[in-house]
Amino acid sequence: MLDPDTKQRHTPKGGYSIRQAASELNLPEKRVRRAVDKKDVEAVEFGGVIRIPPREVERLRNLYR
């Protein structure tokens, strides 16, 4: 679902894509993808799409402050 004000995807409970998480954390997308691949970051894959839970993004935000 697109947020009509920002024209961006809204991810309240569905989690973040790797791109969204990287943007939110101000990190390179490749770095987040490698961390997911190495299982350093909790992520769930369903339907061929990888999602990172909001609590995990918050954990990383606190880690990289």
PDB file of N, CA and C in Angstrom:
ATOM      1  N   MET A   1       0.842  -1.165   0.000  1.00  0.00           N
ATOM      2  CA  MET A   1       0.000   0.000   0.000  1.00  0.00           C
ATOM      3  C   MET A   1       0.892   1.234   0.000  1.00  0.00           C
ATOM      4  N   LEU A   2       0.598   2.196  -0.867  1.00  0.00           N
ATOM      5  CA  LEU A   2       1.369   3.428  -0.928  1.00  0.00           C
ATOM      6  C   LEU A   2       0.755   4.480  -0.031  1.00  0.00           C
ATOM      7  N   ASP A   3       1.603   5.184   0.678  1.00  0.00           N
ATOM      8  CA  ASP A   3       1.163   6.307   1.489  1.00  0.00           C
ATOM      9  C   ASP A   3       0.892   7.465   0.529  1.00  0.00           C
ATOM     10  N   PRO A   4      -0.328   7.996   0.488  1.00  0.00           N
ATOM     11  CA  PRO A   4      -0.657   9.031  -0.492  1.00  0.00           C
ATOM     12  C   PRO A   4       0.145  10.316  -0.323  1.00  0.00           C
ATOM     13  N   ASP A   5       0.615  10.603   0.882  1.00  0.00           N
ATOM     14  CA  ASP A   5       1.366  11.836   1.112  1.00  0.00           C
ATOM     15  C   ASP A   5       2.813  11.737   0.641  1.00  0.00           C
ATOM     16  N   THR A   6       3.449  10.609   0.895  1.00  0.00           N
ATOM     17  CA  THR A   6       4.872  10.477   0.568  1.00  0.00           C
ATOM     18  C   THR A   6       5.116   9.659  -0.690  1.00  0.00           C
ATOM     19  N   LYS A   7       4.103   8.978  -1.187  1.00  0.00           N
ATOM     20  CA  LYS A   7       4.221   8.114  -2.371  1.00  0.00           C
ATOM     21  C   LYS A   7       5.233   6.994  -2.154  1.00  0.00           C
ATOM     22  N   GLN A   8       5.415   6.601  -0.893  1.00  0.00           N
ATOM     23  CA  GLN A   8       6.314   5.506  -0.565  1.00  0.00           C
ATOM     24  C   GLN A   8       5.516   4.378   0.072  1.00  0.00           C
ATOM     25  N   ARG A   9       6.092   3.206   0.046  1.00  0.00           N
ATOM     26  CA  ARG A   9       5.435   2.056   0.649  1.00  0.00           C
ATOM     27  C   ARG A   9       5.340   2.238   2.149  1.00  0.00           C
ATOM     28  N   HIS A  10       4.204   1.879   2.693  1.00  0.00           N
ATOM     29  CA  HIS A  10       3.949   1.960   4.125  1.00  0.00           C
ATOM     30  C   HIS A  10       4.133   0.558   4.698  1.00  0.00           C
ATOM     31  N   THR A  11       4.975   0.392   5.701  1.00  0.00           N
ATOM     32  CA  THR A  11       5.287  -0.936   6.228  1.00  0.00           C
ATOM     33  C   THR A  11       5.091  -0.998   7.738  1.00  0.00           C
ATOM     34  N   PRO A  12       3.879  -0.873   8.236  1.00  0.00           N
ATOM     35  CA  PRO A  12       3.713  -0.873   9.682  1.00  0.00           C
ATOM     36  C   PRO A  12       4.029  -2.208  10.337  1.00  0.00           C
ATOM     37  N   LYS A  13       3.385  -3.267   9.902  1.00  0.00           N
ATOM     38  CA  LYS A  13       3.584  -4.574  10.543  1.00  0.00           C
ATOM     39  C   LYS A  13       4.280  -5.559   9.624  1.00  0.00           C
ATOM     40  N   GLY A  14       4.295  -5.285   8.352  1.00  0.00           N
ATOM     41  CA  GLY A  14       4.859  -6.215   7.384  1.00  0.00           C
ATOM     42  C   GLY A  14       6.369  -6.214   7.350  1.00  0.00           C
ATOM     43  N   GLY A  15       6.978  -5.302   8.064  1.00  0.00           N
ATOM     44  CA  GLY A  15       8.420  -5.235   8.082  1.00  0.00           C
ATOM     45  C   GLY A  15       8.965  -4.393   6.948  1.00  0.00           C
ATOM     46  N   TYR A  16      10.271  -4.360   6.852  1.00  0.00           N
ATOM     47  CA  TYR A  16      10.969  -3.539   5.881  1.00  0.00           C
ATOM     48  C   TYR A  16      11.634  -4.414   4.834  1.00  0.00           C
ATOM     49  N   SER A  17      11.666  -3.929   3.616  1.00  0.00           N
ATOM     50  CA  SER A  17      12.494  -4.581   2.604  1.00  0.00           C
ATOM     51  C   SER A  17      13.946  -4.241   2.939  1.00  0.00           C
ATOM     52  N   ILE A  18      14.868  -4.897   2.299  1.00  0.00           N
ATOM     53  CA  ILE A  18      16.281  -4.590   2.522  1.00  0.00           C
ATOM     54  C   ILE A  18      16.554  -3.139   2.140  1.00  0.00           C
ATOM     55  N   ARG A  19      15.997  -2.699   1.036  1.00  0.00           N
ATOM     56  CA  ARG A  19      16.197  -1.320   0.590  1.00  0.00           C
ATOM     57  C   ARG A  19      15.643  -0.328   1.608  1.00  0.00           C
ATOM     58  N   GLN A  20      14.445  -0.590   2.118  1.00  0.00           N
ATOM     59  CA  GLN A  20      13.837   0.306   3.100  1.00  0.00           C
ATOM     60  C   GLN A  20      14.640   0.334   4.395  1.00  0.00           C
ATOM     61  N   ALA A  21      15.088  -0.837   4.842  1.00  0.00           N
ATOM     62  CA  ALA A  21      15.874  -0.905   6.078  1.00  0.00           C
ATOM     63  C   ALA A  21      17.179  -0.135   5.912  1.00  0.00           C
ATOM     64  N   ALA A  22      17.850  -0.311   4.774  1.00  0.00           N
ATOM     65  CA  ALA A  22      19.100   0.391   4.518  1.00  0.00           C
ATOM     66  C   ALA A  22      18.875   1.901   4.517  1.00  0.00           C
ATOM     67  N   SER A  23      17.811   2.325   3.892  1.00  0.00           N
ATOM     68  CA  SER A  23      17.490   3.754   3.848  1.00  0.00           C
ATOM     69  C   SER A  23      17.187   4.285   5.249  1.00  0.00           C
ATOM     70  N   GLU A  24      16.404   3.529   5.987  1.00  0.00           N
ATOM     71  CA  GLU A  24      16.027   3.922   7.350  1.00  0.00           C
ATOM     72  C   GLU A  24      17.250   4.033   8.255  1.00  0.00           C
ATOM     73  N   LEU A  25      18.226   3.154   8.041  1.00  0.00           N
ATOM     74  CA  LEU A  25      19.423   3.110   8.881  1.00  0.00           C
ATOM     75  C   LEU A  25      20.579   3.927   8.304  1.00  0.00           C
ATOM     76  N   ASN A  26      20.365   4.495   7.118  1.00  0.00           N
ATOM     77  CA  ASN A  26      21.404   5.261   6.439  1.00  0.00           C
ATOM     78  C   ASN A  26      22.663   4.412   6.231  1.00  0.00           C
ATOM     79  N   LEU A  27      22.440   3.177   5.783  1.00  0.00           N
ATOM     80  CA  LEU A  27      23.519   2.237   5.487  1.00  0.00           C
ATOM     81  C   LEU A  27      23.424   1.819   4.025  1.00  0.00           C
ATOM     82  N   PRO A  28      24.527   1.377   3.437  1.00  0.00           N
ATOM     83  CA  PRO A  28      24.459   0.867   2.071  1.00  0.00           C
ATOM     84  C   PRO A  28      23.590  -0.397   2.007  1.00  0.00           C
ATOM     85  N   GLU A  29      22.819  -0.510   0.945  1.00  0.00           N
ATOM     86  CA  GLU A  29      21.942  -1.669   0.764  1.00  0.00           C
ATOM     87  C   GLU A  29      22.744  -2.972   0.762  1.00  0.00           C
ATOM     88  N   LYS A  30      23.925  -2.953   0.146  1.00  0.00           N
ATOM     89  CA  LYS A  30      24.768  -4.160   0.108  1.00  0.00           C
ATOM     90  C   LYS A  30      25.149  -4.627   1.506  1.00  0.00           C
ATOM     91  N   ARG A  31      25.405  -3.683   2.383  1.00  0.00           N
ATOM     92  CA  ARG A  31      25.807  -4.033   3.756  1.00  0.00           C
ATOM     93  C   ARG A  31      24.666  -4.742   4.485  1.00  0.00           C
ATOM     94  N   VAL A  32      23.460  -4.234   4.310  1.00  0.00           N
ATOM     95  CA  VAL A  32      22.297  -4.849   4.957  1.00  0.00           C
ATOM     96  C   VAL A  32      22.048  -6.231   4.351  1.00  0.00           C
ATOM     97  N   ARG A  33      22.150  -6.328   3.047  1.00  0.00           N
ATOM     98  CA  ARG A  33      21.930  -7.620   2.371  1.00  0.00           C
ATOM     99  C   ARG A  33      22.944  -8.670   2.844  1.00  0.00           C
ATOM    100  N   ARG A  34      24.214  -8.280   2.966  1.00  0.00           N
ATOM    101  CA  ARG A  34      25.234  -9.218   3.454  1.00  0.00           C
ATOM    102  C   ARG A  34      24.938  -9.655   4.881  1.00  0.00           C
ATOM    103  N   ALA A  35      24.500  -8.709   5.717  1.00  0.00           N
ATOM    104  CA  ALA A  35      24.178  -9.047   7.106  1.00  0.00           C
ATOM    105  C   ALA A  35      23.015 -10.028   7.165  1.00  0.00           C
ATOM    106  N   VAL A  36      22.029  -9.858   6.299  1.00  0.00           N
ATOM    107  CA  VAL A  36      20.900 -10.797   6.247  1.00  0.00           C
ATOM    108  C   VAL A  36      21.395 -12.163   5.778  1.00  0.00           C
ATOM    109  N   ASP A  37      22.215 -12.177   4.735  1.00  0.00           N
ATOM    110  CA  ASP A  37      22.743 -13.438   4.205  1.00  0.00           C
ATOM    111  C   ASP A  37      23.572 -14.192   5.237  1.00  0.00           C
ATOM    112  N   LYS A  38      24.321 -13.448   6.066  1.00  0.00           N
ATOM    113  CA  LYS A  38      25.154 -14.075   7.103  1.00  0.00           C
ATOM    114  C   LYS A  38      24.354 -14.396   8.369  1.00  0.00           C
ATOM    115  N   LYS A  39      23.069 -14.061   8.374  1.00  0.00           N
ATOM    116  CA  LYS A  39      22.184 -14.295   9.522  1.00  0.00           C
ATOM    117  C   LYS A  39      22.537 -13.411  10.721  1.00  0.00           C
ATOM    118  N   ASP A  40      23.227 -12.287  10.459  1.00  0.00           N
ATOM    119  CA  ASP A  40      23.507 -11.318  11.518  1.00  0.00           C
ATOM    120  C   ASP A  40      22.286 -10.457  11.793  1.00  0.00           C
ATOM    121  N   VAL A  41      21.389 -10.400  10.822  1.00  0.00           N
ATOM    122  CA  VAL A  41      20.158  -9.633  10.937  1.00  0.00           C
ATOM    123  C   VAL A  41      18.994 -10.596  10.736  1.00  0.00           C
ATOM    124  N   GLU A  42      18.040 -10.558  11.653  1.00  0.00           N
ATOM    125  CA  GLU A  42      16.864 -11.410  11.550  1.00  0.00           C
ATOM    126  C   GLU A  42      16.016 -10.943  10.372  1.00  0.00           C
ATOM    127  N   ALA A  43      15.654 -11.878   9.526  1.00  0.00           N
ATOM    128  CA  ALA A  43      14.800 -11.564   8.380  1.00  0.00           C
ATOM    129  C   ALA A  43      13.932 -12.771   8.065  1.00  0.00           C
ATOM    130  N   VAL A  44      12.815 -12.506   7.424  1.00  0.00           N
ATOM    131  CA  VAL A  44      11.876 -13.559   7.045  1.00  0.00           C
ATOM    132  C   VAL A  44      11.670 -13.480   5.545  1.00  0.00           C
ATOM    133  N   GLU A  45      11.668 -14.623   4.893  1.00  0.00           N
ATOM    134  CA  GLU A  45      11.405 -14.649   3.459  1.00  0.00           C
ATOM    135  C   GLU A  45      10.094 -15.369   3.215  1.00  0.00           C
ATOM    136  N   PHE A  46       9.220 -14.717   2.480  1.00  0.00           N
ATOM    137  CA  PHE A  46       7.997 -15.383   2.051  1.00  0.00           C
ATOM    138  C   PHE A  46       7.610 -14.825   0.693  1.00  0.00           C
ATOM    139  N   GLY A  47       7.191 -15.721  -0.164  1.00  0.00           N
ATOM    140  CA  GLY A  47       6.830 -15.318  -1.518  1.00  0.00           C
ATOM    141  C   GLY A  47       8.003 -14.747  -2.287  1.00  0.00           C
ATOM    142  N   GLY A  48       9.219 -15.157  -1.940  1.00  0.00           N
ATOM    143  CA  GLY A  48      10.403 -14.662  -2.623  1.00  0.00           C
ATOM    144  C   GLY A  48      10.822 -13.270  -2.202  1.00  0.00           C
ATOM    145  N   VAL A  49      10.174 -12.721  -1.170  1.00  0.00           N
ATOM    146  CA  VAL A  49      10.478 -11.372  -0.698  1.00  0.00           C
ATOM    147  C   VAL A  49      11.049 -11.456   0.714  1.00  0.00           C
ATOM    148  N   ILE A  50      12.147 -10.782   0.940  1.00  0.00           N
ATOM    149  CA  ILE A  50      12.774 -10.761   2.261  1.00  0.00           C
ATOM    150  C   ILE A  50      12.255  -9.548   3.016  1.00  0.00           C
ATOM    151  N   ARG A  51      11.808  -9.777   4.245  1.00  0.00           N
ATOM    152  CA  ARG A  51      11.306  -8.698   5.098  1.00  0.00           C
ATOM    153  C   ARG A  51      12.071  -8.711   6.413  1.00  0.00           C
ATOM    154  N   ILE A  52      12.392  -7.520   6.895  1.00  0.00           N
ATOM    155  CA  ILE A  52      13.097  -7.365   8.170  1.00  0.00           C
ATOM    156  C   ILE A  52      12.111  -6.768   9.164  1.00  0.00           C
ATOM    157  N   PRO A  53      11.885  -7.429  10.293  1.00  0.00           N
ATOM    158  CA  PRO A  53      10.912  -6.935  11.271  1.00  0.00           C
ATOM    159  C   PRO A  53      11.285  -5.555  11.809  1.00  0.00           C
ATOM    160  N   PRO A  54      10.294  -4.726  12.102  1.00  0.00           N
ATOM    161  CA  PRO A  54      10.563  -3.389  12.651  1.00  0.00           C
ATOM    162  C   PRO A  54      11.424  -3.425  13.914  1.00  0.00           C
ATOM    163  N   ARG A  55      11.239  -4.412  14.767  1.00  0.00           N
ATOM    164  CA  ARG A  55      12.036  -4.488  15.997  1.00  0.00           C
ATOM    165  C   ARG A  55      13.507  -4.714  15.680  1.00  0.00           C
ATOM    166  N   GLU A  56      13.792  -5.405  14.588  1.00  0.00           N
ATOM    167  CA  GLU A  56      15.173  -5.657  14.188  1.00  0.00           C
ATOM    168  C   GLU A  56      15.805  -4.365  13.644  1.00  0.00           C
ATOM    169  N   VAL A  57      15.041  -3.605  12.890  1.00  0.00           N
ATOM    170  CA  VAL A  57      15.532  -2.320  12.393  1.00  0.00           C
ATOM    171  C   VAL A  57      15.811  -1.394  13.577  1.00  0.00           C
ATOM    172  N   GLU A  58      14.945  -1.418  14.573  1.00  0.00           N
ATOM    173  CA  GLU A  58      15.147  -0.590  15.765  1.00  0.00           C
ATOM    174  C   GLU A  58      16.401  -1.040  16.525  1.00  0.00           C
ATOM    175  N   ARG A  59      16.614  -2.347  16.611  1.00  0.00           N
ATOM    176  CA  ARG A  59      17.813  -2.880  17.273  1.00  0.00           C
ATOM    177  C   ARG A  59      19.069  -2.389  16.550  1.00  0.00           C
ATOM    178  N   LEU A  60      19.049  -2.440  15.239  1.00  0.00           N
ATOM    179  CA  LEU A  60      20.198  -1.991  14.459  1.00  0.00           C
ATOM    180  C   LEU A  60      20.399  -0.489  14.576  1.00  0.00           C
ATOM    181  N   ARG A  61      19.307   0.254  14.638  1.00  0.00           N
ATOM    182  CA  ARG A  61      19.405   1.703  14.798  1.00  0.00           C
ATOM    183  C   ARG A  61      20.151   2.030  16.103  1.00  0.00           C
ATOM    184  N   ASN A  62      19.811   1.333  17.165  1.00  0.00           N
ATOM    185  CA  ASN A  62      20.467   1.541  18.456  1.00  0.00           C
ATOM    186  C   ASN A  62      21.929   1.086  18.418  1.00  0.00           C
ATOM    187  N   LEU A  63      22.201   0.049  17.656  1.00  0.00           N
ATOM    188  CA  LEU A  63      23.545  -0.488  17.532  1.00  0.00           C
ATOM    189  C   LEU A  63      24.472   0.467  16.776  1.00  0.00           C
ATOM    190  N   TYR A  64      23.953   1.135  15.760  1.00  0.00           N
ATOM    191  CA  TYR A  64      24.780   1.997  14.893  1.00  0.00           C
ATOM    192  C   TYR A  64      24.704   3.466  15.277  1.00  0.00           C
ATOM    193  N   ARG A  65      24.224   3.802  16.441  1.00  0.00           N
ATOM    194  CA  ARG A  65      24.181   5.216  16.875  1.00  0.00           C
ATOM    195  C   ARG A  65      25.555   5.727  17.128  1.00  0.00           C
TER     196      ARG A  65
END
